[in-house]
Amino acid sequence: MSEQTEQSVKTIAVFVREYYETSIVREPIELNIGDYPELDGMTQDEAINYVESNAWEMKATTDDYESLADQLNDMGIRRDKITNETQEINAVKEMF
């Protein structure tokens, strides 16, 4: 028979932890390529890649913002979505 050094467990705390991944899509801005000399001579795919990598350094379409990225972040929400919802049951020795 093994020796028991701790008292028998009388209670444990049980709780649920939930995880979510949230994405928000903001209203788009139409860029006139002619207003952006840095895009001159690029294919459409090259221009898309450039804008995705450099929006913080590009001028906004209006003077109200410091950069194109600032303007994009201020656009209204078009759609939001919660994905990758997961849930787990946890138990611990005592309430926290």
N, C-alpha and C. Protein backbone atom coordinates (compact mmCIF):
# COMPACT_ATOMS: atom_id res chain seq x y z
N MET A 1 0.85 -1.17 0.00
CA MET A 1 0.00 0.00 0.00
C MET A 1 0.89 1.23 0.00
N SER A 2 0.63 2.20 -0.90
CA SER A 2 1.46 3.40 -1.00
C SER A 2 1.04 4.43 0.03
N GLU A 3 2.01 5.20 0.46
CA GLU A 3 1.71 6.25 1.44
C GLU A 3 1.12 7.46 0.73
N GLN A 4 0.15 8.10 1.32
CA GLN A 4 -0.46 9.29 0.73
C GLN A 4 -0.01 10.50 1.55
N THR A 5 0.76 11.42 0.90
CA THR A 5 1.31 12.56 1.62
C THR A 5 0.38 13.76 1.58
N GLU A 6 -0.52 13.79 0.64
CA GLU A 6 -1.48 14.90 0.54
C GLU A 6 -2.86 14.39 0.96
N GLN A 7 -3.68 15.34 1.41
CA GLN A 7 -5.05 14.96 1.72
C GLN A 7 -5.78 14.61 0.44
N SER A 8 -6.82 13.84 0.55
CA SER A 8 -7.65 13.52 -0.61
C SER A 8 -8.27 14.79 -1.16
N VAL A 9 -8.35 14.86 -2.46
CA VAL A 9 -8.91 16.04 -3.12
C VAL A 9 -10.39 16.13 -2.80
N LYS A 10 -10.82 17.32 -2.36
CA LYS A 10 -12.24 17.54 -2.06
C LYS A 10 -12.93 18.30 -3.20
N THR A 11 -12.20 19.26 -3.81
CA THR A 11 -12.78 20.04 -4.91
C THR A 11 -11.69 20.40 -5.91
N ILE A 12 -12.10 20.65 -7.11
CA ILE A 12 -11.24 21.24 -8.14
C ILE A 12 -12.05 22.30 -8.86
N ALA A 13 -11.39 23.26 -9.47
CA ALA A 13 -12.06 24.30 -10.24
C ALA A 13 -12.05 23.91 -11.71
N VAL A 14 -13.19 24.00 -12.34
CA VAL A 14 -13.32 23.64 -13.76
C VAL A 14 -13.86 24.86 -14.50
N PHE A 15 -13.27 25.18 -15.65
CA PHE A 15 -13.71 26.34 -16.43
C PHE A 15 -13.48 26.09 -17.92
N VAL A 16 -14.09 26.94 -18.72
CA VAL A 16 -13.96 26.86 -20.17
C VAL A 16 -13.10 28.02 -20.65
N ARG A 17 -12.20 27.74 -21.57
CA ARG A 17 -11.41 28.77 -22.23
C ARG A 17 -11.75 28.70 -23.72
N GLU A 18 -12.08 29.85 -24.31
CA GLU A 18 -12.44 29.92 -25.73
C GLU A 18 -11.44 30.78 -26.47
N TYR A 19 -11.16 30.40 -27.71
CA TYR A 19 -10.24 31.14 -28.57
C TYR A 19 -10.96 31.51 -29.86
N TYR A 20 -10.69 32.70 -30.35
CA TYR A 20 -11.28 33.16 -31.61
C TYR A 20 -10.23 33.90 -32.43
N GLU A 21 -10.36 33.81 -33.73
CA GLU A 21 -9.56 34.62 -34.63
C GLU A 21 -10.54 35.56 -35.33
N THR A 22 -10.32 36.85 -35.20
CA THR A 22 -11.24 37.84 -35.76
C THR A 22 -10.56 38.56 -36.92
N SER A 23 -11.26 38.72 -38.01
CA SER A 23 -10.75 39.52 -39.12
C SER A 23 -11.78 40.58 -39.48
N ILE A 24 -11.28 41.76 -39.84
CA ILE A 24 -12.13 42.88 -40.23
C ILE A 24 -11.68 43.33 -41.62
N VAL A 25 -12.62 43.46 -42.53
CA VAL A 25 -12.33 43.98 -43.87
C VAL A 25 -12.93 45.37 -43.95
N ARG A 26 -12.10 46.34 -44.27
CA ARG A 26 -12.56 47.73 -44.37
C ARG A 26 -12.89 48.08 -45.82
N GLU A 27 -13.70 49.13 -45.99
CA GLU A 27 -14.08 49.57 -47.33
C GLU A 27 -12.82 49.85 -48.16
N PRO A 28 -12.83 49.48 -49.44
CA PRO A 28 -11.65 49.70 -50.27
C PRO A 28 -11.54 51.14 -50.76
N ILE A 29 -10.35 51.49 -51.17
CA ILE A 29 -10.07 52.78 -51.80
C ILE A 29 -9.59 52.49 -53.22
N GLU A 30 -10.13 53.19 -54.18
CA GLU A 30 -9.68 53.00 -55.56
C GLU A 30 -8.52 53.94 -55.83
N LEU A 31 -7.38 53.38 -56.22
CA LEU A 31 -6.20 54.19 -56.52
C LEU A 31 -6.11 54.46 -58.01
N ASN A 32 -5.87 55.70 -58.35
CA ASN A 32 -5.58 56.07 -59.73
C ASN A 32 -4.07 55.92 -59.89
N ILE A 33 -3.65 54.95 -60.65
CA ILE A 33 -2.23 54.63 -60.80
C ILE A 33 -1.44 55.87 -61.27
N GLY A 34 -2.07 56.72 -62.07
CA GLY A 34 -1.40 57.92 -62.55
C GLY A 34 -1.02 58.90 -61.44
N ASP A 35 -1.67 58.79 -60.28
CA ASP A 35 -1.34 59.66 -59.15
C ASP A 35 -0.16 59.15 -58.33
N TYR A 36 0.38 58.01 -58.69
CA TYR A 36 1.47 57.38 -57.94
C TYR A 36 2.63 57.06 -58.89
N PRO A 37 3.56 58.00 -59.06
CA PRO A 37 4.68 57.79 -59.99
C PRO A 37 5.50 56.53 -59.67
N GLU A 38 5.53 56.15 -58.39
CA GLU A 38 6.29 54.96 -58.01
C GLU A 38 5.72 53.68 -58.63
N LEU A 39 4.48 53.73 -59.10
CA LEU A 39 3.86 52.57 -59.72
C LEU A 39 3.99 52.57 -61.24
N ASP A 40 4.52 53.64 -61.77
CA ASP A 40 4.65 53.80 -63.22
C ASP A 40 5.47 52.67 -63.84
N GLY A 41 4.95 52.05 -64.86
CA GLY A 41 5.63 50.99 -65.58
C GLY A 41 5.48 49.60 -64.96
N MET A 42 4.80 49.51 -63.83
CA MET A 42 4.61 48.20 -63.20
C MET A 42 3.41 47.49 -63.80
N THR A 43 3.46 46.17 -63.79
CA THR A 43 2.28 45.40 -64.15
C THR A 43 1.29 45.53 -63.00
N GLN A 44 0.06 45.10 -63.22
CA GLN A 44 -0.94 45.17 -62.16
C GLN A 44 -0.51 44.35 -60.93
N ASP A 45 0.04 43.16 -61.17
CA ASP A 45 0.51 42.32 -60.06
C ASP A 45 1.66 42.98 -59.31
N GLU A 46 2.59 43.60 -60.03
CA GLU A 46 3.71 44.30 -59.39
C GLU A 46 3.20 45.47 -58.55
N ALA A 47 2.23 46.22 -59.09
CA ALA A 47 1.66 47.36 -58.36
C ALA A 47 0.96 46.89 -57.09
N ILE A 48 0.22 45.80 -57.17
CA ILE A 48 -0.46 45.25 -56.00
C ILE A 48 0.55 44.87 -54.93
N ASN A 49 1.60 44.16 -55.32
CA ASN A 49 2.64 43.76 -54.37
C ASN A 49 3.32 44.98 -53.75
N TYR A 50 3.57 46.00 -54.56
CA TYR A 50 4.22 47.21 -54.07
C TYR A 50 3.34 47.91 -53.03
N VAL A 51 2.07 48.07 -53.33
CA VAL A 51 1.16 48.75 -52.40
C VAL A 51 1.04 47.96 -51.09
N GLU A 52 0.93 46.66 -51.18
CA GLU A 52 0.82 45.83 -49.98
C GLU A 52 2.05 45.96 -49.08
N SER A 53 3.22 46.16 -49.69
CA SER A 53 4.46 46.26 -48.92
C SER A 53 4.81 47.68 -48.49
N ASN A 54 4.26 48.69 -49.16
CA ASN A 54 4.71 50.06 -48.94
C ASN A 54 3.62 51.07 -48.61
N ALA A 55 2.44 50.61 -48.23
CA ALA A 55 1.31 51.52 -47.99
C ALA A 55 1.62 52.57 -46.93
N TRP A 56 2.46 52.23 -45.95
CA TRP A 56 2.79 53.21 -44.90
C TRP A 56 3.64 54.35 -45.43
N GLU A 57 4.35 54.15 -46.53
CA GLU A 57 5.20 55.19 -47.10
C GLU A 57 4.52 55.92 -48.27
N MET A 58 3.39 55.43 -48.72
CA MET A 58 2.71 56.04 -49.87
C MET A 58 1.76 57.14 -49.42
N LYS A 59 1.57 58.13 -50.29
CA LYS A 59 0.65 59.23 -49.95
C LYS A 59 -0.79 58.74 -50.00
N ALA A 60 -1.61 59.35 -49.17
CA ALA A 60 -3.04 59.03 -49.15
C ALA A 60 -3.71 59.66 -50.36
N THR A 61 -4.94 59.27 -50.63
CA THR A 61 -5.67 59.85 -51.77
C THR A 61 -6.24 61.22 -51.42
N THR A 62 -6.23 61.58 -50.13
CA THR A 62 -6.66 62.92 -49.69
C THR A 62 -5.60 63.47 -48.74
N ASP A 63 -5.64 64.76 -48.50
CA ASP A 63 -4.67 65.39 -47.61
C ASP A 63 -4.99 65.21 -46.13
N ASP A 64 -6.06 64.49 -45.82
CA ASP A 64 -6.47 64.30 -44.43
C ASP A 64 -5.64 63.26 -43.67
N TYR A 65 -4.79 62.53 -44.36
CA TYR A 65 -4.05 61.43 -43.75
C TYR A 65 -2.57 61.55 -44.09
N GLU A 66 -1.73 60.98 -43.21
CA GLU A 66 -0.29 61.00 -43.42
C GLU A 66 0.18 59.97 -44.43
N SER A 67 -0.58 58.87 -44.56
CA SER A 67 -0.18 57.82 -45.50
C SER A 67 -1.42 57.08 -46.01
N LEU A 68 -1.21 56.32 -47.04
CA LEU A 68 -2.29 55.48 -47.57
C LEU A 68 -2.75 54.48 -46.52
N ALA A 69 -1.82 53.91 -45.76
CA ALA A 69 -2.19 52.95 -44.71
C ALA A 69 -3.05 53.61 -43.64
N ASP A 70 -2.71 54.84 -43.25
CA ASP A 70 -3.54 55.56 -42.27
C ASP A 70 -4.96 55.72 -42.79
N GLN A 71 -5.08 56.07 -44.05
CA GLN A 71 -6.39 56.26 -44.66
C GLN A 71 -7.16 54.94 -44.69
N LEU A 72 -6.50 53.87 -45.08
CA LEU A 72 -7.14 52.56 -45.14
C LEU A 72 -7.64 52.11 -43.77
N ASN A 73 -6.85 52.39 -42.73
CA ASN A 73 -7.23 51.99 -41.37
C ASN A 73 -8.40 52.79 -40.83
N ASP A 74 -8.72 53.91 -41.46
CA ASP A 74 -9.82 54.76 -41.01
C ASP A 74 -11.12 54.50 -41.79
N MET A 75 -11.06 53.63 -42.77
CA MET A 75 -12.25 53.34 -43.58
C MET A 75 -13.26 52.55 -42.77
N GLY A 76 -14.54 52.66 -43.15
CA GLY A 76 -15.60 51.94 -42.45
C GLY A 76 -15.46 50.44 -42.61
N ILE A 77 -16.04 49.72 -41.69
CA ILE A 77 -15.97 48.25 -41.72
C ILE A 77 -17.00 47.73 -42.71
N ARG A 78 -16.55 46.94 -43.63
CA ARG A 78 -17.42 46.33 -44.62
C ARG A 78 -17.92 44.98 -44.12
N ARG A 79 -17.04 44.25 -43.44
CA ARG A 79 -17.40 42.91 -42.98
C ARG A 79 -16.44 42.51 -41.88
N ASP A 80 -16.96 41.85 -40.87
CA ASP A 80 -16.09 41.25 -39.87
C ASP A 80 -16.49 39.80 -39.71
N LYS A 81 -15.53 39.00 -39.32
CA LYS A 81 -15.77 37.57 -39.27
C LYS A 81 -14.94 36.96 -38.14
N ILE A 82 -15.55 36.06 -37.42
CA ILE A 82 -14.84 35.30 -36.41
C ILE A 82 -14.66 33.89 -36.95
N THR A 83 -13.42 33.41 -36.92
CA THR A 83 -13.13 32.07 -37.43
C THR A 83 -12.27 31.33 -36.41
N ASN A 84 -11.97 30.11 -36.72
CA ASN A 84 -11.11 29.27 -35.89
C ASN A 84 -11.55 29.25 -34.43
N GLU A 85 -12.84 29.14 -34.23
CA GLU A 85 -13.35 29.07 -32.86
C GLU A 85 -12.99 27.73 -32.26
N THR A 86 -12.37 27.77 -31.10
CA THR A 86 -12.05 26.55 -30.39
C THR A 86 -12.41 26.73 -28.93
N GLN A 87 -12.59 25.62 -28.28
CA GLN A 87 -12.96 25.66 -26.87
C GLN A 87 -12.27 24.49 -26.19
N GLU A 88 -11.82 24.74 -24.97
CA GLU A 88 -11.24 23.66 -24.20
C GLU A 88 -11.75 23.74 -22.76
N ILE A 89 -11.87 22.60 -22.14
CA ILE A 89 -12.27 22.51 -20.75
C ILE A 89 -10.98 22.36 -19.94
N ASN A 90 -10.82 23.22 -18.92
CA ASN A 90 -9.65 23.18 -18.07
C ASN A 90 -10.06 22.91 -16.64
N ALA A 91 -9.21 22.25 -15.90
CA ALA A 91 -9.42 22.03 -14.47
C ALA A 91 -8.13 22.35 -13.73
N VAL A 92 -8.26 23.02 -12.59
CA VAL A 92 -7.11 23.38 -11.78
C VAL A 92 -7.39 23.02 -10.33
N LYS A 93 -6.37 23.05 -9.50
CA LYS A 93 -6.53 22.66 -8.11
C LYS A 93 -7.45 23.60 -7.33
N GLU A 94 -7.33 24.90 -7.60
CA GLU A 94 -8.17 25.85 -6.86
C GLU A 94 -8.54 27.02 -7.75
N MET A 95 -9.57 27.76 -7.33
CA MET A 95 -10.05 28.92 -8.10
C MET A 95 -8.93 29.96 -8.14
N PHE A 96 -8.87 30.70 -9.21
CA PHE A 96 -7.85 31.72 -9.35
C PHE A 96 -8.40 33.08 -9.05
